[in-house]
Amino acid sequence: MPVKKQYTFHYLEHIYFQYNDYQYIFTDPVMFLHTHTDKNSCELTGLVVSALSYGRVAQIHKSIREVINSITLSPEYLLDMSDRYLLSLFSGFKHRFTSGEEVGSFLVACKNIYRIHGSLYQCFLSHYKDSHTTFVPALTGFIRELRSFFTETKSSLLPDPGKGSACKRLHLFLRWMIRKDEIDPGPWSGLPCSKLIIPLDTHMHRIARDFGFTRRNQADIKTAMEITGEFIKINPADPVKYDFALTRIGMGKTRNHS
């Protein structure tokens, strides 16, 4: 049964204060961002980590470790490396639908963004307008510019936000970059949390249906926007505040160092 609306805010706040805690960070790929104090290294790590965050948790963490153990995820390192080296670095790597060649192409694309804009943040800002009601238009421009440098035609790492997908991993990346609390590092300053969209996967979709936030069956951008709209009614300034805490519940609420 849907949760009664009058209890929703208090319940969400209770869940937030109980589970939005550093002790649970090891259940989530965001833990890999907390090893960086440099903003550019944090944003680059965040983009790589979010891109690989699909599938089983243990496999996600294994694949991410394989990448970060093979390369220093800093702009300075990328700019010093040749495209040929980056494209050959992950031969033999495989994460579900993602090949090593695609990871190499992804890093070449990031290298070009740093060469042109100086940071992923500045690239994102070049596509952002204060008049935008959400970050979807800026995210679409950002991803299309990044994908324009891909040498691989596959796009399992960077779906196009303008084509109707919920793009859970990309909105997760933006949550990490823009929000700042004990879980989200928030290296991108000056952008309003109010324009974030809920990172929608099957688990969050089920939670939202339990709350009565949506009746839609398809986990697409329309559903993500509908669910976000309900969270906005509860917390207009920070609608994705409860995302991490809510998704801990379905994972057993235990530390997971896998």
C-alpha atoms as a PDB file:
ATOM      1  CA  MET A   1       0.000   0.000   0.000  1.00  0.00           C
ATOM      2  CA  PRO A   2       1.223   3.550  -0.683  1.00  0.00           C
ATOM      3  CA  VAL A   3       2.653   5.392   2.323  1.00  0.00           C
ATOM      4  CA  LYS A   4       0.216   7.994   3.656  1.00  0.00           C
ATOM      5  CA  LYS A   5       1.370  11.412   2.465  1.00  0.00           C
ATOM      6  CA  GLN A   6       1.110  13.084   5.874  1.00  0.00           C
ATOM      7  CA  TYR A   7       3.726  10.671   7.245  1.00  0.00           C
ATOM      8  CA  THR A   8       6.078  10.825   4.259  1.00  0.00           C
ATOM      9  CA  PHE A   9       8.261  13.791   5.271  1.00  0.00           C
ATOM     10  CA  HIS A  10       8.870  12.529   8.804  1.00  0.00           C
ATOM     11  CA  TYR A  11       9.576   9.022   7.533  1.00  0.00           C
ATOM     12  CA  LEU A  12      12.066  10.282   4.927  1.00  0.00           C
ATOM     13  CA  GLU A  13      13.843  12.456   7.468  1.00  0.00           C
ATOM     14  CA  HIS A  14      14.066   9.477   9.824  1.00  0.00           C
ATOM     15  CA  ILE A  15      15.533   7.302   7.061  1.00  0.00           C
ATOM     16  CA  TYR A  16      17.969  10.074   6.069  1.00  0.00           C
ATOM     17  CA  PHE A  17      19.341  10.570   9.566  1.00  0.00           C
ATOM     18  CA  GLN A  18      19.558   6.828  10.131  1.00  0.00           C
ATOM     19  CA  TYR A  19      21.223   5.736   6.875  1.00  0.00           C
ATOM     20  CA  ASN A  20      22.852   8.786   5.272  1.00  0.00           C
ATOM     21  CA  ASP A  21      25.878   7.888   7.326  1.00  0.00           C
ATOM     22  CA  TYR A  22      29.502   7.268   6.375  1.00  0.00           C
ATOM     23  CA  GLN A  23      29.344   3.775   7.874  1.00  0.00           C
ATOM     24  CA  TYR A  24      27.189   2.736   4.894  1.00  0.00           C
ATOM     25  CA  ILE A  25      29.409   4.247   2.226  1.00  0.00           C
ATOM     26  CA  PHE A  26      31.045   0.909   1.472  1.00  0.00           C
ATOM     27  CA  THR A  27      27.737  -0.360   0.067  1.00  0.00           C
ATOM     28  CA  ASP A  28      27.922   2.186  -2.747  1.00  0.00           C
ATOM     29  CA  PRO A  29      30.357   3.126  -5.554  1.00  0.00           C
ATOM     30  CA  VAL A  30      30.477   6.696  -4.170  1.00  0.00           C
ATOM     31  CA  MET A  31      33.109   5.358  -1.763  1.00  0.00           C
ATOM     32  CA  PHE A  32      35.697   5.570  -4.565  1.00  0.00           C
ATOM     33  CA  LEU A  33      35.239   9.353  -4.762  1.00  0.00           C
ATOM     34  CA  HIS A  34      36.145   9.856  -1.128  1.00  0.00           C
ATOM     35  CA  THR A  35      39.805   9.045  -1.772  1.00  0.00           C
ATOM     36  CA  HIS A  36      40.206  12.372  -3.638  1.00  0.00           C
ATOM     37  CA  THR A  37      40.547  15.886  -2.243  1.00  0.00           C
ATOM     38  CA  ASP A  38      41.370  17.464  -5.611  1.00  0.00           C
ATOM     39  CA  LYS A  39      38.184  18.612  -7.385  1.00  0.00           C
ATOM     40  CA  ASN A  40      39.263  17.604 -10.887  1.00  0.00           C
ATOM     41  CA  SER A  41      40.363  14.134  -9.818  1.00  0.00           C
ATOM     42  CA  CYS A  42      37.108  13.727  -7.898  1.00  0.00           C
ATOM     43  CA  GLU A  43      34.957  14.692 -10.896  1.00  0.00           C
ATOM     44  CA  LEU A  44      36.916  12.427 -13.268  1.00  0.00           C
ATOM     45  CA  THR A  45      36.698   9.512 -10.840  1.00  0.00           C
ATOM     46  CA  GLY A  46      32.999  10.234 -10.375  1.00  0.00           C
ATOM     47  CA  LEU A  47      32.304  10.117 -14.107  1.00  0.00           C
ATOM     48  CA  VAL A  48      34.223   6.853 -14.573  1.00  0.00           C
ATOM     49  CA  VAL A  49      32.694   5.244 -11.471  1.00  0.00           C
ATOM     50  CA  SER A  50      29.130   6.274 -12.337  1.00  0.00           C
ATOM     51  CA  ALA A  51      29.549   5.036 -15.924  1.00  0.00           C
ATOM     52  CA  LEU A  52      30.465   1.570 -14.661  1.00  0.00           C
ATOM     53  CA  SER A  53      27.762   1.486 -11.974  1.00  0.00           C
ATOM     54  CA  TYR A  54      25.383  -0.988 -13.538  1.00  0.00           C
ATOM     55  CA  GLY A  55      24.915  -4.649 -12.688  1.00  0.00           C
ATOM     56  CA  ARG A  56      25.603  -6.456  -9.415  1.00  0.00           C
ATOM     57  CA  VAL A  57      27.290  -4.449  -6.654  1.00  0.00           C
ATOM     58  CA  ALA A  58      30.202  -6.864  -6.235  1.00  0.00           C
ATOM     59  CA  GLN A  59      30.904  -6.871  -9.979  1.00  0.00           C
ATOM     60  CA  ILE A  60      30.637  -3.061 -10.150  1.00  0.00           C
ATOM     61  CA  HIS A  61      33.203  -2.656  -7.391  1.00  0.00           C
ATOM     62  CA  LYS A  62      35.493  -5.257  -8.936  1.00  0.00           C
ATOM     63  CA  SER A  63      35.422  -3.552 -12.337  1.00  0.00           C
ATOM     64  CA  ILE A  64      35.970  -0.103 -10.854  1.00  0.00           C
ATOM     65  CA  ARG A  65      38.955  -1.340  -8.861  1.00  0.00           C
ATOM     66  CA  GLU A  66      40.395  -2.889 -12.004  1.00  0.00           C
ATOM     67  CA  VAL A  67      40.213   0.476 -13.760  1.00  0.00           C
ATOM     68  CA  ILE A  68      41.535   2.622 -10.911  1.00  0.00           C
ATOM     69  CA  ASN A  69      44.372   0.166 -10.259  1.00  0.00           C
ATOM     70  CA  SER A  70      45.417   0.490 -13.918  1.00  0.00           C
ATOM     71  CA  ILE A  71      45.416   4.276 -14.300  1.00  0.00           C
ATOM     72  CA  THR A  72      45.749   7.425 -12.219  1.00  0.00           C
ATOM     73  CA  LEU A  73      42.421   9.192 -12.610  1.00  0.00           C
ATOM     74  CA  SER A  74      43.667  12.767 -12.776  1.00  0.00           C
ATOM     75  CA  PRO A  75      43.438  15.238 -15.676  1.00  0.00           C
ATOM     76  CA  GLU A  76      47.201  15.810 -15.569  1.00  0.00           C
ATOM     77  CA  TYR A  77      47.850  12.107 -16.072  1.00  0.00           C
ATOM     78  CA  LEU A  78      45.375  11.844 -18.962  1.00  0.00           C
ATOM     79  CA  LEU A  79      46.869  14.850 -20.725  1.00  0.00           C
ATOM     80  CA  ASP A  80      50.326  13.293 -20.490  1.00  0.00           C
ATOM     81  CA  MET A  81      49.187  10.001 -22.020  1.00  0.00           C
ATOM     82  CA  SER A  82      48.884   9.357 -25.747  1.00  0.00           C
ATOM     83  CA  ASP A  83      45.542   8.361 -27.221  1.00  0.00           C
ATOM     84  CA  ARG A  84      47.121   5.125 -28.429  1.00  0.00           C
ATOM     85  CA  TYR A  85      48.243   4.254 -24.906  1.00  0.00           C
ATOM     86  CA  LEU A  86      44.821   4.976 -23.400  1.00  0.00           C
ATOM     87  CA  LEU A  87      43.052   2.945 -26.092  1.00  0.00           C
ATOM     88  CA  SER A  88      45.314  -0.063 -25.477  1.00  0.00           C
ATOM     89  CA  LEU A  89      45.444   0.101 -21.680  1.00  0.00           C
ATOM     90  CA  PHE A  90      42.340  -1.980 -20.960  1.00  0.00           C
ATOM     91  CA  SER A  91      42.638  -4.780 -23.481  1.00  0.00           C
ATOM     92  CA  GLY A  92      40.926  -7.812 -21.982  1.00  0.00           C
ATOM     93  CA  PHE A  93      38.753  -5.739 -19.632  1.00  0.00           C
ATOM     94  CA  LYS A  94      35.034  -6.564 -19.627  1.00  0.00           C
ATOM     95  CA  HIS A  95      32.187  -5.258 -17.502  1.00  0.00           C
ATOM     96  CA  ARG A  96      28.882  -6.681 -18.701  1.00  0.00           C
ATOM     97  CA  PHE A  97      28.259  -4.808 -21.993  1.00  0.00           C
ATOM     98  CA  THR A  98      31.350  -2.606 -21.681  1.00  0.00           C
ATOM     99  CA  SER A  99      34.621  -3.567 -23.344  1.00  0.00           C
ATOM    100  CA  GLY A 100      38.127  -2.392 -22.534  1.00  0.00           C
ATOM    101  CA  GLU A 101      38.255  -0.554 -25.853  1.00  0.00           C
ATOM    102  CA  GLU A 102      35.192   1.445 -24.834  1.00  0.00           C
ATOM    103  CA  VAL A 103      36.793   2.394 -21.505  1.00  0.00           C
ATOM    104  CA  GLY A 104      39.889   3.568 -23.375  1.00  0.00           C
ATOM    105  CA  SER A 105      37.777   5.598 -25.793  1.00  0.00           C
ATOM    106  CA  PHE A 106      35.900   7.084 -22.835  1.00  0.00           C
ATOM    107  CA  LEU A 107      39.176   8.267 -21.297  1.00  0.00           C
ATOM    108  CA  VAL A 108      40.355   9.732 -24.618  1.00  0.00           C
ATOM    109  CA  ALA A 109      37.096  11.701 -24.735  1.00  0.00           C
ATOM    110  CA  CYS A 110      37.647  12.955 -21.173  1.00  0.00           C
ATOM    111  CA  LYS A 111      41.185  13.954 -22.116  1.00  0.00           C
ATOM    112  CA  ASN A 112      39.802  16.110 -24.934  1.00  0.00           C
ATOM    113  CA  ILE A 113      37.308  17.784 -22.620  1.00  0.00           C
ATOM    114  CA  TYR A 114      40.118  18.696 -20.208  1.00  0.00           C
ATOM    115  CA  ARG A 115      42.220  19.982 -23.092  1.00  0.00           C
ATOM    116  CA  ILE A 116      39.385  22.235 -24.334  1.00  0.00           C
ATOM    117  CA  HIS A 117      37.586  23.281 -21.130  1.00  0.00           C
ATOM    118  CA  GLY A 118      40.064  22.641 -18.330  1.00  0.00           C
ATOM    119  CA  SER A 119      37.532  20.598 -16.343  1.00  0.00           C
ATOM    120  CA  LEU A 120      34.365  18.547 -16.718  1.00  0.00           C
ATOM    121  CA  TYR A 121      32.669  21.184 -14.571  1.00  0.00           C
ATOM    122  CA  GLN A 122      33.485  23.994 -17.000  1.00  0.00           C
ATOM    123  CA  CYS A 123      32.271  21.868 -19.901  1.00  0.00           C
ATOM    124  CA  PHE A 124      28.980  21.231 -18.089  1.00  0.00           C
ATOM    125  CA  LEU A 125      28.611  24.938 -17.300  1.00  0.00           C
ATOM    126  CA  SER A 126      29.062  25.784 -20.982  1.00  0.00           C
ATOM    127  CA  HIS A 127      25.777  23.948 -21.645  1.00  0.00           C
ATOM    128  CA  TYR A 128      23.907  25.242 -18.573  1.00  0.00           C
ATOM    129  CA  LYS A 129      21.536  28.207 -18.329  1.00  0.00           C
ATOM    130  CA  ASP A 130      19.969  29.598 -15.168  1.00  0.00           C
ATOM    131  CA  SER A 131      16.606  29.480 -16.968  1.00  0.00           C
ATOM    132  CA  HIS A 132      16.732  25.668 -17.174  1.00  0.00           C
ATOM    133  CA  THR A 133      14.285  24.105 -14.720  1.00  0.00           C
ATOM    134  CA  THR A 134      16.329  20.891 -14.509  1.00  0.00           C
ATOM    135  CA  PHE A 135      19.857  19.845 -15.440  1.00  0.00           C
ATOM    136  CA  VAL A 136      18.631  17.638 -18.301  1.00  0.00           C
ATOM    137  CA  PRO A 137      19.410  20.149 -21.102  1.00  0.00           C
ATOM    138  CA  ALA A 138      22.903  20.850 -19.754  1.00  0.00           C
ATOM    139  CA  LEU A 139      23.529  17.157 -19.173  1.00  0.00           C
ATOM    140  CA  THR A 140      22.435  16.382 -22.735  1.00  0.00           C
ATOM    141  CA  GLY A 141      24.835  18.942 -24.192  1.00  0.00           C
ATOM    142  CA  PHE A 142      27.647  17.816 -21.899  1.00  0.00           C
ATOM    143  CA  ILE A 143      27.275  14.137 -22.812  1.00  0.00           C
ATOM    144  CA  ARG A 144      26.917  14.824 -26.541  1.00  0.00           C
ATOM    145  CA  GLU A 145      30.104  16.884 -26.515  1.00  0.00           C
ATOM    146  CA  LEU A 146      31.898  14.128 -24.607  1.00  0.00           C
ATOM    147  CA  ARG A 147      30.590  11.454 -26.971  1.00  0.00           C
ATOM    148  CA  SER A 148      31.734  13.454 -30.000  1.00  0.00           C
ATOM    149  CA  PHE A 149      35.303  12.460 -29.091  1.00  0.00           C
ATOM    150  CA  PHE A 150      34.561   8.732 -28.770  1.00  0.00           C
ATOM    151  CA  THR A 151      36.534   6.504 -31.109  1.00  0.00           C
ATOM    152  CA  GLU A 152      34.135   3.643 -30.313  1.00  0.00           C
ATOM    153  CA  THR A 153      30.577   3.683 -31.663  1.00  0.00           C
ATOM    154  CA  LYS A 154      29.178   1.822 -28.620  1.00  0.00           C
ATOM    155  CA  SER A 155      27.571   3.942 -25.928  1.00  0.00           C
ATOM    156  CA  SER A 156      27.029   1.622 -22.951  1.00  0.00           C
ATOM    157  CA  LEU A 157      28.980   4.020 -20.719  1.00  0.00           C
ATOM    158  CA  LEU A 158      27.261   7.269 -21.723  1.00  0.00           C
ATOM    159  CA  PRO A 159      23.590   7.059 -22.741  1.00  0.00           C
ATOM    160  CA  ASP A 160      22.129  10.148 -24.423  1.00  0.00           C
ATOM    161  CA  PRO A 161      19.867  12.015 -21.931  1.00  0.00           C
ATOM    162  CA  GLY A 162      17.946  13.550 -24.819  1.00  0.00           C
ATOM    163  CA  LYS A 163      16.534  10.221 -25.990  1.00  0.00           C
ATOM    164  CA  GLY A 164      14.082   9.474 -23.181  1.00  0.00           C
ATOM    165  CA  SER A 165      16.113   7.165 -20.964  1.00  0.00           C
ATOM    166  CA  ALA A 166      16.118   7.725 -17.200  1.00  0.00           C
ATOM    167  CA  CYS A 167      19.955   7.814 -17.426  1.00  0.00           C
ATOM    168  CA  LYS A 168      20.245   6.728 -13.801  1.00  0.00           C
ATOM    169  CA  ARG A 169      24.053   6.659 -13.807  1.00  0.00           C
ATOM    170  CA  LEU A 170      24.367  10.185 -15.203  1.00  0.00           C
ATOM    171  CA  HIS A 171      21.921  11.643 -12.690  1.00  0.00           C
ATOM    172  CA  LEU A 172      23.783   9.740  -9.980  1.00  0.00           C
ATOM    173  CA  PHE A 173      26.982  11.444 -11.193  1.00  0.00           C
ATOM    174  CA  LEU A 174      25.294  14.847 -10.929  1.00  0.00           C
ATOM    175  CA  ARG A 175      24.052  14.026  -7.427  1.00  0.00           C
ATOM    176  CA  TRP A 176      27.616  13.247  -6.374  1.00  0.00           C
ATOM    177  CA  MET A 177      28.977  16.389  -8.010  1.00  0.00           C
ATOM    178  CA  ILE A 178      26.390  18.953  -6.877  1.00  0.00           C
ATOM    179  CA  ARG A 179      25.139  17.789  -3.465  1.00  0.00           C
ATOM    180  CA  LYS A 180      27.462  17.990  -0.465  1.00  0.00           C
ATOM    181  CA  ASP A 181      26.941  16.064   2.745  1.00  0.00           C
ATOM    182  CA  GLU A 182      28.534  13.105   4.504  1.00  0.00           C
ATOM    183  CA  ILE A 183      27.940  10.896   1.447  1.00  0.00           C
ATOM    184  CA  ASP A 184      27.992  13.183  -1.607  1.00  0.00           C
ATOM    185  CA  PRO A 185      31.336  15.018  -1.997  1.00  0.00           C
ATOM    186  CA  GLY A 186      29.897  17.930  -4.052  1.00  0.00           C
ATOM    187  CA  PRO A 187      33.008  19.342  -5.778  1.00  0.00           C
ATOM    188  CA  TRP A 188      30.892  21.396  -8.231  1.00  0.00           C
ATOM    189  CA  SER A 189      29.935  24.600  -6.449  1.00  0.00           C
ATOM    190  CA  GLY A 190      27.319  27.143  -7.421  1.00  0.00           C
ATOM    191  CA  LEU A 191      24.740  24.799  -8.940  1.00  0.00           C
ATOM    192  CA  PRO A 192      21.323  24.389  -7.254  1.00  0.00           C
ATOM    193  CA  CYS A 193      20.378  20.976  -5.847  1.00  0.00           C
ATOM    194  CA  SER A 194      16.761  21.848  -6.665  1.00  0.00           C
ATOM    195  CA  LYS A 195      17.372  21.038 -10.357  1.00  0.00           C
ATOM    196  CA  LEU A 196      18.646  17.494  -9.775  1.00  0.00           C
ATOM    197  CA  ILE A 197      16.631  14.506 -11.019  1.00  0.00           C
ATOM    198  CA  ILE A 198      16.258  11.322  -8.981  1.00  0.00           C
ATOM    199  CA  PRO A 199      18.641   8.567 -10.202  1.00  0.00           C
ATOM    200  CA  LEU A 200      15.977   6.060 -11.200  1.00  0.00           C
ATOM    201  CA  ASP A 201      16.670   2.334 -11.227  1.00  0.00           C
ATOM    202  CA  THR A 202      14.332  -0.600 -10.578  1.00  0.00           C
ATOM    203  CA  HIS A 203      14.853  -0.376  -6.821  1.00  0.00           C
ATOM    204  CA  MET A 204      14.038   3.340  -6.580  1.00  0.00           C
ATOM    205  CA  HIS A 205      11.142   2.800  -8.989  1.00  0.00           C
ATOM    206  CA  ARG A 206       9.653   0.214  -6.627  1.00  0.00           C
ATOM    207  CA  ILE A 207      10.154   2.492  -3.613  1.00  0.00           C
ATOM    208  CA  ALA A 208       8.465   5.379  -5.428  1.00  0.00           C
ATOM    209  CA  ARG A 209       5.500   3.192  -6.345  1.00  0.00           C
ATOM    210  CA  ASP A 210       5.209   2.144  -2.692  1.00  0.00           C
ATOM    211  CA  PHE A 211       5.058   5.818  -1.751  1.00  0.00           C
ATOM    212  CA  GLY A 212       2.410   6.437  -4.387  1.00  0.00           C
ATOM    213  CA  PHE A 213       4.752   8.835  -6.215  1.00  0.00           C
ATOM    214  CA  THR A 214       4.067   7.180  -9.570  1.00  0.00           C
ATOM    215  CA  ARG A 215       1.880   4.553 -11.201  1.00  0.00           C
ATOM    216  CA  ARG A 216       3.992   4.371 -14.336  1.00  0.00           C
ATOM    217  CA  ASN A 217       5.510   0.993 -15.161  1.00  0.00           C
ATOM    218  CA  GLN A 218       8.322   2.193 -17.386  1.00  0.00           C
ATOM    219  CA  ALA A 219      11.483   3.445 -15.666  1.00  0.00           C
ATOM    220  CA  ASP A 220      12.139   6.258 -18.167  1.00  0.00           C
ATOM    221  CA  ILE A 221      12.834   9.975 -17.860  1.00  0.00           C
ATOM    222  CA  LYS A 222       9.099  10.775 -17.632  1.00  0.00           C
ATOM    223  CA  THR A 223       8.822   8.525 -14.598  1.00  0.00           C
ATOM    224  CA  ALA A 224      12.001   9.958 -13.083  1.00  0.00           C
ATOM    225  CA  MET A 225      10.619  13.469 -13.533  1.00  0.00           C
ATOM    226  CA  GLU A 226       7.262  12.487 -12.036  1.00  0.00           C
ATOM    227  CA  ILE A 227       8.922  10.940  -8.983  1.00  0.00           C
ATOM    228  CA  THR A 228      11.260  13.920  -8.616  1.00  0.00           C
ATOM    229  CA  GLY A 229       8.223  16.201  -8.714  1.00  0.00           C
ATOM    230  CA  GLU A 230       6.810  14.409  -5.688  1.00  0.00           C
ATOM    231  CA  PHE A 231      10.106  14.708  -3.819  1.00  0.00           C
ATOM    232  CA  ILE A 232      10.115  18.434  -4.709  1.00  0.00           C
ATOM    233  CA  LYS A 233       6.791  18.820  -2.877  1.00  0.00           C
ATOM    234  CA  ILE A 234       8.518  17.438   0.220  1.00  0.00           C
ATOM    235  CA  ASN A 235      11.899  19.132  -0.165  1.00  0.00           C
ATOM    236  CA  PRO A 236      11.906  21.808  -2.904  1.00  0.00           C
ATOM    237  CA  ALA A 237      15.539  22.803  -2.357  1.00  0.00           C
ATOM    238  CA  ASP A 238      16.968  19.261  -2.400  1.00  0.00           C
ATOM    239  CA  PRO A 239      14.640  16.650  -3.960  1.00  0.00           C
ATOM    240  CA  VAL A 240      17.279  13.906  -4.225  1.00  0.00           C
ATOM    241  CA  LYS A 241      18.380  14.262  -0.596  1.00  0.00           C
ATOM    242  CA  TYR A 242      16.886  10.906   0.400  1.00  0.00           C
ATOM    243  CA  ASP A 243      18.199   8.840  -2.532  1.00  0.00           C
ATOM    244  CA  PHE A 244      21.190   7.226  -0.817  1.00  0.00           C
ATOM    245  CA  ALA A 245      19.366   6.520   2.442  1.00  0.00           C
ATOM    246  CA  LEU A 246      16.316   4.971   0.762  1.00  0.00           C
ATOM    247  CA  THR A 247      18.399   2.701  -1.425  1.00  0.00           C
ATOM    248  CA  ARG A 248      20.339   1.391   1.592  1.00  0.00           C
ATOM    249  CA  ILE A 249      17.153  -0.207   2.958  1.00  0.00           C
ATOM    250  CA  GLY A 250      16.847  -2.690   0.121  1.00  0.00           C
ATOM    251  CA  MET A 251      20.516  -3.636   0.388  1.00  0.00           C
ATOM    252  CA  GLY A 252      20.226  -5.091   3.858  1.00  0.00           C
ATOM    253  CA  LYS A 253      21.429  -1.940   5.662  1.00  0.00           C
ATOM    254  CA  THR A 254      24.827  -3.523   6.291  1.00  0.00           C
ATOM    255  CA  ARG A 255      28.378  -2.574   5.458  1.00  0.00           C
ATOM    256  CA  ASN A 256      29.607  -4.211   2.288  1.00  0.00           C
ATOM    257  CA  HIS A 257      33.321  -4.086   1.484  1.00  0.00           C
ATOM    258  CA  SER A 258      33.018  -6.145  -1.702  1.00  0.00           C
END
